[in-house]
Amino acid sequence: MVKLPPLSLYIHIPWCVQKCPYCDFNSHALKGEVPHKEYVQHLLNDLQQDLPLTGGRGVATIFIGGGTPSLLSGEAMQMLLDGVRASLPLSPQAEITMEANPGTVEADRFSAYQRAGINRISIGVQSFEQEKLTRLGRIHGPDEARRAAKLATGLGLRSFNLDLMHGLPDQSPQQALDDLRQAIALDPPHLSWYQLTIEPNTLFASRPPQLPDEDDLWDIFEQGHQLLSAAGYQQYETSAYAKPGYRCEHNLNYWRFGDYLGIGCGAHGKLTQPDGSIIRTTKTRHPRGFMSGNYLDKRHQVSDAEKPFEFFMNRFRLLEAAPRHEFADYTGLTEASIRAPLDEALSKGYLTETSQHWQVTEKGQLFLNSLLELFLAE
């Protein structure tokens, strides 16, 4: 008997003022006005169509991503979250996060978002150096980033996150660590600090910039990790750092192989059914198609052969120990079915095992792809 995992809700707002050259998310440069209310109505219709897949479960976390969700009006956000609350049981303690660009963080608009129920914002800073921001196609400057962080502090939200990148084009370790020091000085409860990677189908992929070499990247990571630890941040996932009590509950649910409804352009969902089957959904990517009422692009049932890789691909990004019973609980498979790859991972020193848990070792973190490949279907 499969145990239904906790359920989260992801909502995608697809528009940006302009497309960044490194971004492979489903975002579309804005032509004209955001169709605020019309799009929200489509989001709520999309949600209604997916409700039968939730098994009547309540939602513990909501994440509104993009694109640039902070292009949505306060009124539209109120309409959206009221509609969600009317459709799904929402825990009174629910963490409700919204992504925002520093240039669109206006005090009055944020008070409206807060009234609608947003209690955590994630601010896409990326760098505090103007030249780097220009290279990344960002439309805000360093001062706006600092102002947005101070505004978030003053709002008395439950938490906020700063997104910061390193390994930028022509970035020296000194510049990368200087960015990190400036982010730490703003005292966010949560910091996402990740390395720029060149993704296919982006402007950077067609015209690759000069990125720092492996040795520099390793120096940046090692020294940055020390800076963060000294400032009281704990690393709990490959690129996520938080002060105690401020981990991102929504992302933790993804990494623990929880379920999530995905609504809006190009959103992905993963929903375990009472019979133990796992259904993945993908929504129509383009706003035009989505807003003509064709919400679902693909629906796919995850085969038993795919489940071990999917489970560990998420679980082993987390640095916490993985309870062994959750593999059987959330996949419906026996541990015996993965004993061979587990034994190989143990013999290679990628994992340790107790009667209760599996724990990724430092070597396992370093060779995460090799560890995960052991669980790929034949």
Protein backbone atom coordinates (compact mmCIF):
# COMPACT_ATOMS: atom_id res chain seq x y z
CA MET A 1 0.00 0.00 0.00
CA VAL A 2 1.48 3.33 -1.06
CA LYS A 3 1.46 6.23 1.36
CA LEU A 4 0.36 9.53 -0.20
CA PRO A 5 3.14 12.09 0.35
CA PRO A 6 2.52 15.74 1.34
CA LEU A 7 1.10 17.95 -1.42
CA SER A 8 2.43 21.31 -2.64
CA LEU A 9 1.15 23.72 -5.29
CA TYR A 10 3.33 25.41 -7.93
CA ILE A 11 1.88 28.33 -9.91
CA HIS A 12 3.67 29.69 -13.00
CA ILE A 13 3.49 33.31 -14.18
CA PRO A 14 5.12 33.29 -17.63
CA TRP A 15 5.98 36.93 -18.40
CA CYS A 16 9.24 38.86 -18.00
CA VAL A 17 10.14 42.39 -19.03
CA GLN A 18 12.92 40.79 -21.12
CA LYS A 19 14.45 37.33 -21.47
CA CYS A 20 17.82 36.72 -19.73
CA PRO A 21 20.54 34.99 -21.85
CA TYR A 22 21.14 32.19 -19.27
CA CYS A 23 17.47 31.41 -18.56
CA ASP A 24 15.88 28.15 -19.74
CA PHE A 25 12.67 28.59 -17.73
CA ASN A 26 9.40 29.00 -19.57
CA SER A 27 9.34 32.80 -19.75
CA HIS A 28 8.14 35.14 -22.46
CA ALA A 29 9.16 38.77 -22.99
CA LEU A 30 6.16 40.97 -22.31
CA LYS A 31 4.48 42.63 -25.29
CA GLY A 32 1.96 45.14 -23.98
CA GLU A 33 0.12 44.70 -20.68
CA VAL A 34 -0.07 41.60 -18.45
CA PRO A 35 -3.62 40.17 -18.81
CA HIS A 36 -3.86 40.03 -14.98
CA LYS A 37 -7.41 38.88 -14.27
CA GLU A 38 -7.85 36.86 -17.44
CA TYR A 39 -4.73 34.81 -16.72
CA VAL A 40 -5.71 34.28 -13.07
CA GLN A 41 -9.11 32.95 -14.21
CA HIS A 42 -7.33 30.46 -16.48
CA LEU A 43 -5.04 29.42 -13.59
CA LEU A 44 -8.08 28.70 -11.40
CA ASN A 45 -9.79 26.74 -14.22
CA ASP A 46 -6.58 24.73 -14.67
CA LEU A 47 -6.56 24.02 -10.92
CA GLN A 48 -10.19 22.78 -11.05
CA GLN A 49 -9.30 20.30 -13.81
CA ASP A 50 -6.46 18.84 -11.70
CA LEU A 51 -8.39 18.57 -8.40
CA PRO A 52 -9.49 14.94 -9.02
CA LEU A 53 -5.77 13.96 -9.01
CA THR A 54 -5.19 15.28 -5.46
CA GLY A 55 -7.17 12.64 -3.56
CA GLY A 56 -8.74 15.41 -1.45
CA ARG A 57 -5.42 16.28 0.19
CA GLY A 58 -4.72 19.75 1.56
CA VAL A 59 -1.80 21.86 0.42
CA ALA A 60 1.09 22.59 2.80
CA THR A 61 3.14 24.98 0.63
CA ILE A 62 2.60 27.22 -2.42
CA PHE A 63 5.32 28.58 -4.69
CA ILE A 64 4.58 31.23 -7.33
CA GLY A 65 7.40 31.25 -9.88
CA GLY A 66 8.13 32.56 -13.34
CA GLY A 67 8.84 34.54 -15.37
CA THR A 68 8.34 37.44 -13.02
CA PRO A 69 5.38 36.90 -10.67
CA SER A 70 5.87 40.40 -9.25
CA LEU A 71 4.49 41.76 -12.56
CA LEU A 72 1.06 40.56 -11.34
CA SER A 73 -1.09 43.25 -9.70
CA GLY A 74 -1.93 43.05 -5.99
CA GLU A 75 -5.60 42.67 -6.94
CA ALA A 76 -4.87 39.74 -9.27
CA MET A 77 -2.76 38.06 -6.55
CA GLN A 78 -5.66 38.41 -4.08
CA MET A 79 -8.05 36.88 -6.64
CA LEU A 80 -5.61 34.02 -7.28
CA LEU A 81 -4.98 33.08 -3.64
CA ASP A 82 -8.67 33.49 -2.72
CA GLY A 83 -9.49 31.09 -5.57
CA VAL A 84 -6.89 28.59 -4.38
CA ARG A 85 -8.23 28.72 -0.80
CA ALA A 86 -11.76 28.15 -2.09
CA SER A 87 -10.66 25.07 -4.10
CA LEU A 88 -8.19 23.31 -1.80
CA PRO A 89 -7.78 22.90 1.95
CA LEU A 90 -4.81 25.17 2.72
CA SER A 91 -2.97 24.71 6.00
CA PRO A 92 -3.17 27.91 8.15
CA GLN A 93 0.63 27.59 8.62
CA ALA A 94 1.23 27.21 4.86
CA GLU A 95 4.44 28.71 3.50
CA ILE A 96 3.46 30.85 0.48
CA THR A 97 6.46 32.00 -1.55
CA MET A 98 6.62 34.33 -4.50
CA GLU A 99 9.61 35.07 -6.74
CA ALA A 100 10.36 38.74 -7.38
CA ASN A 101 12.88 40.77 -9.34
CA PRO A 102 14.50 43.61 -7.37
CA GLY A 103 13.35 46.16 -9.94
CA THR A 104 9.70 45.17 -9.39
CA VAL A 105 9.79 45.10 -5.58
CA GLU A 106 7.66 48.13 -4.73
CA ALA A 107 6.62 48.70 -1.14
CA ASP A 108 2.92 49.36 -1.74
CA ARG A 109 2.57 46.42 -4.12
CA PHE A 110 4.30 44.15 -1.61
CA SER A 111 1.92 45.15 1.15
CA ALA A 112 -0.91 44.09 -1.19
CA TYR A 113 0.80 40.73 -1.88
CA GLN A 114 1.22 40.24 1.85
CA ARG A 115 -2.48 40.93 2.46
CA ALA A 116 -3.30 38.33 -0.20
CA GLY A 117 -1.32 35.76 1.81
CA ILE A 118 2.29 35.86 0.51
CA ASN A 119 4.55 35.28 3.53
CA ARG A 120 7.92 34.58 1.86
CA ILE A 121 9.61 36.22 -1.12
CA SER A 122 12.54 35.06 -3.17
CA ILE A 123 14.48 37.96 -4.69
CA GLY A 124 16.50 37.31 -7.85
CA VAL A 125 19.62 39.37 -7.10
CA GLN A 126 22.20 37.19 -9.00
CA SER A 127 25.07 39.71 -8.49
CA PHE A 128 25.87 43.07 -6.88
CA GLU A 129 28.20 44.13 -9.70
CA GLN A 130 26.62 46.29 -12.41
CA GLU A 131 28.79 44.93 -15.22
CA LYS A 132 27.88 41.32 -14.32
CA LEU A 133 24.17 42.18 -14.10
CA THR A 134 24.32 43.70 -17.59
CA ARG A 135 26.06 40.56 -18.94
CA LEU A 136 23.29 38.45 -17.38
CA GLY A 137 20.59 40.58 -19.00
CA ARG A 138 19.25 41.72 -15.62
CA ILE A 139 17.31 45.00 -15.65
CA HIS A 140 18.00 45.96 -12.03
CA GLY A 141 21.12 47.53 -10.51
CA PRO A 142 22.99 46.74 -7.25
CA ASP A 143 21.21 49.52 -5.33
CA GLU A 144 17.77 48.16 -6.23
CA ALA A 145 18.86 44.71 -5.01
CA ARG A 146 19.92 46.12 -1.64
CA ARG A 147 16.72 48.19 -1.41
CA ALA A 148 14.56 45.11 -2.14
CA ALA A 149 16.30 43.10 0.60
CA LYS A 150 15.84 45.93 3.13
CA LEU A 151 12.18 46.22 2.14
CA ALA A 152 11.72 42.47 2.65
CA THR A 153 13.31 42.76 6.10
CA GLY A 154 10.95 45.60 7.03
CA LEU A 155 7.78 43.81 5.88
CA GLY A 156 8.03 41.33 8.75
CA LEU A 157 7.47 38.36 6.43
CA ARG A 158 7.91 34.84 7.70
CA SER A 159 11.11 34.63 5.61
CA PHE A 160 12.84 35.81 2.46
CA ASN A 161 15.48 34.42 0.14
CA LEU A 162 18.17 36.02 -1.99
CA ASP A 163 19.15 34.20 -5.20
CA LEU A 164 22.83 34.67 -5.98
CA MET A 165 24.95 33.17 -8.77
CA HIS A 166 28.67 32.49 -8.98
CA GLY A 167 30.90 31.27 -11.80
CA LEU A 168 29.74 34.20 -13.95
CA PRO A 169 31.41 35.20 -17.25
CA ASP A 170 34.96 36.49 -16.55
CA GLN A 171 34.31 36.45 -12.79
CA SER A 172 37.35 36.13 -10.51
CA PRO A 173 37.06 34.21 -7.21
CA GLN A 174 37.52 37.59 -5.47
CA GLN A 175 34.50 39.09 -7.26
CA ALA A 176 32.35 36.04 -6.55
CA LEU A 177 33.19 36.09 -2.85
CA ASP A 178 32.64 39.85 -2.71
CA ASP A 179 29.11 39.30 -4.09
CA LEU A 180 28.52 36.67 -1.41
CA ARG A 181 29.79 38.97 1.39
CA GLN A 182 27.36 41.69 0.24
CA ALA A 183 24.48 39.21 0.24
CA ILE A 184 25.37 37.97 3.75
CA ALA A 185 25.55 41.60 4.97
CA LEU A 186 21.84 41.99 4.07
CA ASP A 187 21.11 39.14 6.53
CA PRO A 188 18.51 37.12 4.58
CA PRO A 189 17.14 34.09 6.49
CA HIS A 190 17.75 31.99 3.34
CA LEU A 191 20.35 32.15 0.55
CA SER A 192 20.29 30.20 -2.71
CA TRP A 193 23.87 30.29 -3.97
CA TYR A 194 24.33 28.45 -7.20
CA GLN A 195 26.78 28.11 -10.02
CA LEU A 196 25.86 29.44 -13.45
CA THR A 197 25.52 26.55 -15.89
CA ILE A 198 24.99 26.95 -19.61
CA GLU A 199 21.64 25.36 -20.51
CA PRO A 200 20.66 24.24 -24.04
CA ASN A 201 18.33 26.55 -26.04
CA THR A 202 19.53 29.74 -24.32
CA LEU A 203 21.38 32.70 -25.80
CA PHE A 204 24.49 31.73 -23.78
CA ALA A 205 24.37 28.23 -25.35
CA SER A 206 24.54 29.67 -28.87
CA ARG A 207 27.29 32.17 -27.93
CA PRO A 208 29.08 30.69 -24.89
CA PRO A 209 30.78 33.27 -22.62
CA GLN A 210 34.15 32.61 -20.94
CA LEU A 211 33.38 31.01 -17.56
CA PRO A 212 35.84 30.45 -14.66
CA ASP A 213 37.80 27.16 -14.79
CA GLU A 214 37.29 24.17 -12.48
CA ASP A 215 40.02 25.23 -10.03
CA ASP A 216 38.57 28.72 -9.61
CA LEU A 217 35.07 27.29 -9.20
CA TRP A 218 36.32 24.94 -6.49
CA ASP A 219 38.06 27.84 -4.66
CA ILE A 220 34.88 29.93 -4.86
CA PHE A 221 32.80 27.08 -3.47
CA GLU A 222 35.20 26.17 -0.63
CA GLN A 223 35.77 29.74 0.55
CA GLY A 224 32.13 30.72 0.04
CA HIS A 225 30.99 27.72 2.05
CA GLN A 226 33.25 28.85 4.92
CA LEU A 227 31.88 32.42 4.75
CA LEU A 228 28.30 31.14 4.87
CA SER A 229 28.98 28.73 7.74
CA ALA A 230 30.70 31.46 9.74
CA ALA A 231 27.65 33.71 9.23
CA GLY A 232 25.34 31.05 10.70
CA TYR A 233 23.97 29.51 7.49
CA GLN A 234 23.60 25.75 7.18
CA GLN A 235 23.83 24.08 3.80
CA TYR A 236 20.93 21.63 3.43
CA GLU A 237 20.87 21.07 -0.34
CA THR A 238 23.41 21.40 -3.16
CA SER A 239 22.86 25.17 -3.51
CA ALA A 240 20.56 26.08 -0.60
CA TYR A 241 21.69 27.65 2.68
CA ALA A 242 19.45 28.70 5.56
CA LYS A 243 19.63 29.99 9.09
CA PRO A 244 18.19 27.43 11.56
CA GLY A 245 14.41 27.21 11.17
CA TYR A 246 14.32 28.92 7.75
CA ARG A 247 14.71 26.12 5.21
CA CYS A 248 12.36 26.39 2.22
CA GLU A 249 9.53 23.96 3.01
CA HIS A 250 8.29 23.94 -0.60
CA ASN A 251 11.64 22.87 -2.05
CA LEU A 252 12.14 20.35 0.75
CA ASN A 253 8.89 18.69 -0.34
CA TYR A 254 10.22 18.37 -3.93
CA TRP A 255 13.51 16.91 -2.76
CA ARG A 256 11.81 14.47 -0.40
CA PHE A 257 9.80 13.13 -3.37
CA GLY A 258 6.61 14.82 -2.22
CA ASP A 259 3.72 15.54 -4.58
CA TYR A 260 2.96 18.84 -6.27
CA LEU A 261 0.24 20.23 -8.48
CA GLY A 262 1.62 22.45 -11.24
CA ILE A 263 -0.69 25.03 -12.76
CA GLY A 264 0.01 27.72 -15.37
CA CYS A 265 2.07 27.86 -18.59
CA GLY A 266 4.58 25.01 -18.81
CA ALA A 267 4.17 23.99 -15.13
CA HIS A 268 5.05 20.41 -14.14
CA GLY A 269 3.15 18.31 -11.62
CA LYS A 270 3.74 14.98 -9.84
CA LEU A 271 0.73 13.32 -8.24
CA THR A 272 0.62 9.96 -6.47
CA GLN A 273 -2.75 8.21 -6.82
CA PRO A 274 -4.44 6.05 -4.15
CA ASP A 275 -3.59 2.93 -6.22
CA GLY A 276 0.11 3.79 -5.99
CA SER A 277 0.57 5.00 -9.56
CA ILE A 278 2.49 8.26 -10.02
CA ILE A 279 1.23 10.67 -12.67
CA ARG A 280 3.36 13.46 -14.11
CA THR A 281 1.65 16.37 -15.86
CA THR A 282 3.05 19.14 -18.08
CA LYS A 283 0.98 22.18 -18.98
CA THR A 284 0.88 24.04 -22.31
CA ARG A 285 3.98 26.25 -22.52
CA HIS A 286 2.86 29.24 -24.54
CA PRO A 287 0.50 31.81 -22.95
CA ARG A 288 -1.53 31.99 -26.19
CA GLY A 289 -2.29 28.26 -26.20
CA PHE A 290 -2.81 28.12 -22.44
CA MET A 291 -5.19 31.09 -22.48
CA SER A 292 -7.29 29.51 -25.20
CA GLY A 293 -8.22 26.92 -22.54
CA ASN A 294 -5.93 24.05 -23.61
CA TYR A 295 -4.17 23.61 -20.29
CA LEU A 296 -2.79 20.07 -20.36
CA ASP A 297 0.09 19.36 -22.74
CA LYS A 298 1.18 15.89 -21.52
CA ARG A 299 0.23 13.35 -18.90
CA HIS A 300 2.55 10.42 -18.22
CA GLN A 301 2.45 7.55 -15.75
CA VAL A 302 5.87 6.89 -14.20
CA SER A 303 6.86 3.25 -14.77
CA ASP A 304 8.22 1.12 -11.91
CA ALA A 305 11.58 1.03 -13.75
CA GLU A 306 11.84 4.85 -13.64
CA LYS A 307 10.86 5.26 -9.98
CA PRO A 308 14.21 4.51 -8.23
CA PHE A 309 16.10 7.11 -10.31
CA GLU A 310 13.34 9.71 -9.85
CA PHE A 311 13.24 9.10 -6.10
CA PHE A 312 17.01 9.32 -5.53
CA MET A 313 17.58 12.14 -8.04
CA ASN A 314 15.63 14.32 -5.60
CA ARG A 315 16.49 12.69 -2.27
CA PHE A 316 20.25 12.61 -2.70
CA ARG A 317 20.48 16.36 -3.41
CA LEU A 318 19.51 16.88 0.22
CA LEU A 319 22.30 16.63 2.78
CA GLU A 320 20.01 15.23 5.49
CA ALA A 321 19.82 11.46 5.99
CA ALA A 322 17.11 9.72 3.94
CA PRO A 323 14.73 7.50 5.95
CA ARG A 324 14.84 4.07 4.28
CA HIS A 325 11.11 3.38 4.73
CA GLU A 326 10.22 6.37 2.51
CA PHE A 327 11.52 4.58 -0.58
CA ALA A 328 8.88 1.85 -0.23
CA ASP A 329 6.24 4.28 1.11
CA TYR A 330 6.49 6.68 -1.83
CA THR A 331 7.33 4.35 -4.73
CA GLY A 332 5.42 1.19 -3.79
CA LEU A 333 8.58 -0.82 -4.60
CA THR A 334 10.55 -3.05 -2.26
CA GLU A 335 14.04 -2.18 -1.13
CA ALA A 336 15.11 -5.60 -2.47
CA SER A 337 14.45 -4.29 -6.00
CA ILE A 338 17.31 -1.77 -5.63
CA ARG A 339 19.66 -3.78 -3.44
CA ALA A 340 22.27 -4.27 -6.20
CA PRO A 341 22.76 -0.53 -7.03
CA LEU A 342 22.65 0.30 -3.28
CA ASP A 343 25.43 -2.19 -2.57
CA GLU A 344 27.48 -0.73 -5.41
CA ALA A 345 26.98 2.82 -4.06
CA LEU A 346 28.06 1.62 -0.59
CA SER A 347 31.15 -0.17 -1.93
CA LYS A 348 32.18 2.97 -3.87
CA GLY A 349 31.87 5.10 -0.74
CA TYR A 350 29.04 7.26 -2.13
CA LEU A 351 26.65 6.29 0.69
CA THR A 352 26.55 5.01 4.23
CA GLU A 353 23.68 2.88 5.55
CA THR A 354 22.17 2.25 8.99
CA SER A 355 19.09 0.19 9.87
CA GLN A 356 17.01 3.40 9.52
CA HIS A 357 18.74 5.70 7.02
CA TRP A 358 20.89 6.23 3.95
CA GLN A 359 23.32 9.14 4.06
CA VAL A 360 25.17 10.62 1.07
CA THR A 361 28.88 10.97 1.85
CA GLU A 362 31.08 13.88 0.83
CA LYS A 363 32.38 11.71 -2.02
CA GLY A 364 28.78 10.96 -3.01
CA GLN A 365 28.01 14.69 -3.17
CA LEU A 366 31.09 15.25 -5.32
CA PHE A 367 30.17 12.41 -7.70
CA LEU A 368 26.40 12.84 -7.49
CA ASN A 369 25.84 12.07 -11.19
CA SER A 370 27.79 8.81 -10.93
CA LEU A 371 25.79 7.87 -7.83
CA LEU A 372 22.46 8.58 -9.55
CA GLU A 373 23.44 6.70 -12.71
CA LEU A 374 23.50 3.50 -10.65
CA PHE A 375 19.71 3.81 -10.29
CA LEU A 376 18.92 4.47 -13.97
CA ALA A 377 16.56 1.98 -15.60
CA GLU A 378 18.34 -0.48 -17.92
